[in-house]
Protein backbone atom coordinates (compact mmCIF):
# COMPACT_ATOMS: atom_id res chain seq x y z
CA MET A 1 -24.69 32.97 4.45
CA ARG A 2 -27.15 30.07 4.85
CA THR A 3 -26.24 28.80 1.37
CA ALA A 4 -22.54 29.02 2.15
CA ARG A 5 -23.02 27.09 5.39
CA ARG A 6 -25.08 24.41 3.60
CA PHE A 7 -22.36 24.03 0.93
CA THR A 8 -19.63 23.72 3.56
CA ALA A 9 -21.54 21.07 5.49
CA THR A 10 -22.32 19.07 2.33
CA ALA A 11 -18.71 19.16 1.19
CA ALA A 12 -17.50 18.05 4.60
CA LEU A 13 -19.90 15.08 4.66
CA ALA A 14 -18.90 14.05 1.14
CA CYS A 15 -15.24 14.27 2.06
CA ALA A 16 -15.75 12.19 5.18
CA ALA A 17 -17.65 9.51 3.25
CA ALA A 18 -15.04 9.32 0.52
CA LEU A 19 -11.95 9.22 2.74
CA GLY A 20 -13.18 7.36 5.78
CA LEU A 21 -12.86 10.44 8.01
CA THR A 22 -9.08 10.50 7.60
CA GLY A 23 -8.27 12.95 4.84
CA CYS A 24 -10.40 16.03 5.49
CA PHE A 25 -10.08 16.93 9.13
CA ALA A 26 -7.27 17.36 11.60
CA SER A 27 -8.35 14.17 13.34
CA GLY A 28 -7.90 10.43 13.03
CA PRO A 29 -4.59 8.55 13.07
CA PHE A 30 -1.41 10.61 12.58
CA ALA A 31 -3.49 13.80 12.27
CA ASP A 32 -0.47 16.01 12.99
CA LEU A 33 1.76 14.34 10.35
CA THR A 34 1.90 14.55 6.58
CA GLY A 35 1.68 11.41 4.48
CA SER A 36 5.43 11.47 3.90
CA GLU A 37 6.11 11.86 7.61
CA VAL A 38 3.87 8.88 8.39
CA ALA A 39 5.70 6.79 5.77
CA ASP A 40 9.09 7.74 7.23
CA LYS A 41 7.84 6.94 10.72
CA SER A 42 6.64 3.49 9.63
CA VAL A 43 9.99 2.57 8.04
CA ASP A 44 11.85 3.84 11.11
CA ALA A 45 9.60 1.56 13.18
CA LEU A 46 10.63 -1.43 11.04
CA ARG A 47 14.30 -0.55 11.48
CA GLY A 48 13.73 -0.42 15.22
CA ALA A 49 12.39 -3.98 15.37
CA ALA A 50 14.80 -6.64 16.61
CA SER A 51 13.50 -8.93 13.88
CA LEU A 52 10.70 -9.25 11.36
CA THR A 53 9.41 -11.39 8.52
CA VAL A 54 9.05 -10.02 5.00
CA SER A 55 7.01 -11.99 2.49
CA GLY A 56 5.46 -11.45 -0.90
CA LYS A 57 6.37 -11.07 -4.57
CA VAL A 58 9.07 -8.79 -5.96
CA TRP A 59 10.95 -8.35 -9.22
CA ASP A 60 14.68 -8.76 -9.69
CA ALA A 61 16.42 -8.14 -13.03
CA GLY A 62 13.06 -8.30 -14.78
CA LYS A 63 12.03 -11.60 -13.19
CA PRO A 64 9.36 -12.20 -10.53
CA MET A 65 10.35 -13.84 -7.26
CA ASP A 66 8.36 -15.05 -4.26
CA LEU A 67 10.07 -14.60 -0.92
CA ASN A 68 9.45 -15.33 2.71
CA MET A 69 12.35 -14.26 4.88
CA ALA A 70 12.67 -13.88 8.66
CA VAL A 71 15.45 -11.38 9.35
CA SER A 72 17.01 -10.16 12.57
CA LYS A 73 18.87 -6.93 13.24
CA SER A 74 21.92 -8.98 14.20
CA GLY A 75 22.06 -10.48 10.69
CA GLU A 76 20.56 -13.89 11.37
CA CYS A 77 17.94 -14.98 8.90
CA ARG A 78 16.02 -17.91 7.51
CA GLY A 79 13.71 -18.05 4.54
CA THR A 80 12.93 -19.15 1.03
CA ILE A 81 13.13 -17.48 -2.37
CA ALA A 82 11.55 -18.94 -5.50
CA GLY A 83 11.63 -17.69 -9.07
CA PRO A 84 11.46 -18.85 -12.68
CA GLU A 85 14.98 -20.27 -12.41
CA GLY A 86 14.44 -22.39 -9.31
CA SER A 87 14.17 -21.94 -5.59
CA PHE A 88 16.34 -22.13 -2.50
CA GLU A 89 16.18 -22.00 1.27
CA LEU A 90 18.68 -19.83 3.11
CA ILE A 91 19.94 -19.85 6.69
CA ARG A 92 22.50 -17.41 8.06
CA ASN A 93 23.90 -17.36 11.56
CA ALA A 94 26.91 -15.65 13.12
CA SER A 95 29.51 -17.90 11.51
CA SER A 96 27.98 -19.64 8.49
CA VAL A 97 25.62 -19.40 5.55
CA PHE A 98 23.64 -22.46 4.45
CA ILE A 99 21.76 -22.78 1.18
CA LYS A 100 19.57 -25.66 0.04
CA ALA A 101 18.62 -25.22 -3.63
CA ASP A 102 16.67 -27.34 -6.09
CA GLU A 103 17.89 -28.69 -9.43
CA PRO A 104 16.45 -25.85 -11.60
CA PHE A 105 18.35 -23.32 -9.50
CA TYR A 106 21.69 -25.09 -9.89
CA ARG A 107 21.04 -25.67 -13.59
CA SER A 108 20.54 -21.93 -14.06
CA GLN A 109 23.85 -21.25 -12.28
CA MET A 110 25.81 -23.76 -14.35
CA LYS A 111 24.72 -22.94 -17.88
CA ASP A 112 28.30 -22.34 -19.00
CA LEU A 113 29.71 -25.63 -17.71
CA PRO A 114 30.09 -28.74 -19.89
CA LYS A 115 26.97 -30.90 -19.53
CA ALA A 116 28.72 -33.83 -17.84
CA GLU A 117 30.34 -31.52 -15.29
CA ALA A 118 27.08 -29.70 -14.62
CA ASP A 119 25.20 -32.99 -14.24
CA GLU A 120 27.68 -34.22 -11.64
CA ALA A 121 27.56 -30.97 -9.68
CA VAL A 122 23.77 -30.86 -9.68
CA LYS A 123 23.60 -34.48 -8.55
CA GLN A 124 25.94 -33.70 -5.68
CA LEU A 125 24.40 -30.43 -4.54
CA ALA A 126 20.67 -30.26 -5.33
CA GLY A 127 18.50 -30.87 -2.30
CA HIS A 128 21.41 -30.70 0.16
CA TRP A 129 22.55 -27.94 2.51
CA LEU A 130 25.71 -26.28 1.19
CA LYS A 131 27.64 -24.68 4.05
CA SER A 132 29.96 -21.69 3.56
CA LYS A 133 31.75 -19.37 5.95
CA ALA A 134 29.85 -16.14 6.46
CA SER A 135 33.05 -14.28 5.55
CA ASP A 136 33.39 -15.93 2.10
CA ALA A 137 32.78 -13.62 -0.88
CA ASP A 138 29.98 -15.73 -2.40
CA ALA A 139 28.35 -16.18 0.99
CA LYS A 140 28.40 -12.42 1.58
CA GLU A 141 26.34 -11.89 -1.57
CA LEU A 142 23.72 -14.32 -0.32
CA ALA A 143 23.92 -12.84 3.16
CA SER A 144 22.90 -9.46 1.75
CA LEU A 145 19.39 -10.92 1.65
CA CYS A 146 19.61 -10.92 5.44
CA ASP A 147 20.51 -7.23 5.71
CA LEU A 148 17.46 -5.50 7.18
CA ASP A 149 18.68 -1.99 6.35
CA GLU A 150 19.32 -3.02 2.74
CA LEU A 151 15.84 -4.52 2.44
CA LEU A 152 14.25 -1.30 3.69
CA LYS A 153 16.18 1.11 1.46
CA GLU A 154 13.44 0.78 -1.16
CA PHE A 155 11.07 2.62 1.17
CA ASP A 156 13.30 5.55 2.09
CA ASP A 157 11.88 7.91 -0.54
CA SER A 158 8.37 8.83 0.57
CA LYS A 159 8.12 12.29 -0.98
CA GLY A 160 4.59 13.12 -2.05
CA ALA A 161 2.83 10.37 -0.07
CA GLN A 162 -0.85 11.17 0.48
CA LYS A 163 -2.99 9.97 3.37
CA GLY A 164 -6.16 8.04 2.52
CA LYS A 165 -8.65 5.78 4.25
CA VAL A 166 -8.17 3.45 7.19
CA THR A 167 -8.36 -0.22 6.23
CA SER A 168 -7.06 -3.41 7.84
CA VAL A 169 -4.19 -5.84 7.34
CA GLY A 170 -4.46 -9.20 9.06
CA GLY A 171 -6.95 -7.79 11.55
CA GLN A 172 -4.84 -4.69 12.30
CA LYS A 173 -6.14 -1.23 11.45
CA ALA A 174 -3.89 0.53 8.96
CA LEU A 175 -3.74 3.94 7.30
CA THR A 176 -3.42 3.94 3.52
CA LEU A 177 -0.68 6.08 1.96
CA THR A 178 -0.32 6.46 -1.79
CA THR A 179 2.43 7.95 -3.92
CA LYS A 180 2.12 8.50 -7.66
CA ALA A 181 5.10 7.69 -9.85
CA ASP A 182 5.74 7.56 -13.58
CA GLU A 183 5.65 3.77 -13.56
CA GLY A 184 2.58 3.36 -11.33
CA THR A 185 1.29 3.90 -7.80
CA GLU A 186 2.98 2.90 -4.55
CA THR A 187 0.66 2.05 -1.68
CA LEU A 188 1.76 1.72 1.94
CA LEU A 189 -0.40 0.46 4.80
CA VAL A 190 0.74 1.67 8.22
CA ALA A 191 -0.48 0.33 11.58
CA THR A 192 -2.58 2.94 13.39
CA GLU A 193 -2.50 1.22 16.78
CA GLY A 194 0.57 0.35 18.83
CA THR A 195 3.92 0.69 17.08
CA PRO A 196 3.33 2.34 13.67
CA TYR A 197 4.89 -0.46 11.63
CA LEU A 198 4.68 -0.54 7.87
CA LEU A 199 2.48 -3.63 7.45
CA LYS A 200 2.18 -3.89 3.69
CA ALA A 201 3.60 -2.22 0.58
CA SER A 202 2.68 -2.61 -3.05
CA VAL A 203 3.45 -0.95 -6.36
CA THR A 204 1.68 -1.10 -9.71
CA GLY A 205 3.26 -0.77 -13.13
CA LYS A 206 5.50 -2.78 -15.42
CA GLU A 207 7.06 -4.65 -12.50
CA PRO A 208 4.32 -4.86 -9.84
CA ALA A 209 5.26 -5.99 -6.36
CA GLU A 210 3.61 -6.62 -3.03
CA VAL A 211 5.28 -7.38 0.30
CA SER A 212 4.00 -7.73 3.84
CA PHE A 213 5.83 -7.26 7.14
CA SER A 214 5.00 -9.31 10.23
CA GLY A 215 6.57 -11.32 13.05
CA PHE A 216 7.99 -8.24 14.74
CA ASP A 217 10.58 -9.02 17.44
CA LYS A 218 10.04 -12.78 17.13
CA PRO A 219 13.25 -14.87 17.35
CA VAL A 220 14.62 -16.06 14.01
CA GLN A 221 15.05 -19.83 13.88
CA ALA A 222 18.54 -19.84 12.34
CA GLU A 223 19.94 -23.00 13.90
CA ALA A 224 22.53 -24.68 11.71
CA PRO A 225 21.40 -27.86 9.95
CA ALA A 226 23.49 -30.92 10.73
CA GLY A 227 24.11 -34.46 9.58
CA GLU A 228 24.79 -36.09 6.23
CA ASP A 229 22.51 -33.58 4.51
CA VAL A 230 25.16 -30.85 4.97
CA ILE A 231 28.02 -30.38 2.47
CA ASP A 232 30.97 -28.20 3.46
CA ALA A 233 31.91 -25.93 0.56
CA ASP A 234 35.51 -25.85 1.76
CA LYS A 235 35.78 -29.60 1.19
CA LEU A 236 34.45 -29.58 -2.36
CA GLY A 237 36.86 -29.99 -5.26
């Protein structure tokens, strides 16, 4: 009996040291929830925010992109996206979508045009705000970047998430959740104090990605640009 008690105590201490007191006992943050339930709770918290900022590096069609986008539940947004084929700034408000893109971006969009025509279009558009109606088909595709629910769909499948140690993100304590997949490991960091927001997510593998969530409930600065720097798409030939 004494040996059994000594073994139990040693195992408990080793477990506590390895997992930061979070994975072995029914104590610590979210003690009554499974890892998957914590993950679901953190994504629900994001969906409940009036607005937030998502930033980091993701992959799209096999290409890496850096993004920093403030998004509101009402659909307003402002941010930047940069990739190997150029970068652009995007603003969306209730009535309009504005995009200011650099020359590499427009060049990548006009590969099939005759050179002289492409040159003229790039000269006219690059570095200026192009204004479109929010209801226009092309604008709707851009506006999808401002859809908070669409952005969060990637985190809806949390099956198999395991709770790990408590760490910190930007000074906030956060519980680590990990999920193994064929292509790598997904790691979620969930705030343990206050609203249980998902603070950071990353995935390893062929197309690694890492994004952070912040600026919860802060107003999105989506005021329309004005002046000679704005080109109305409806008035273009």
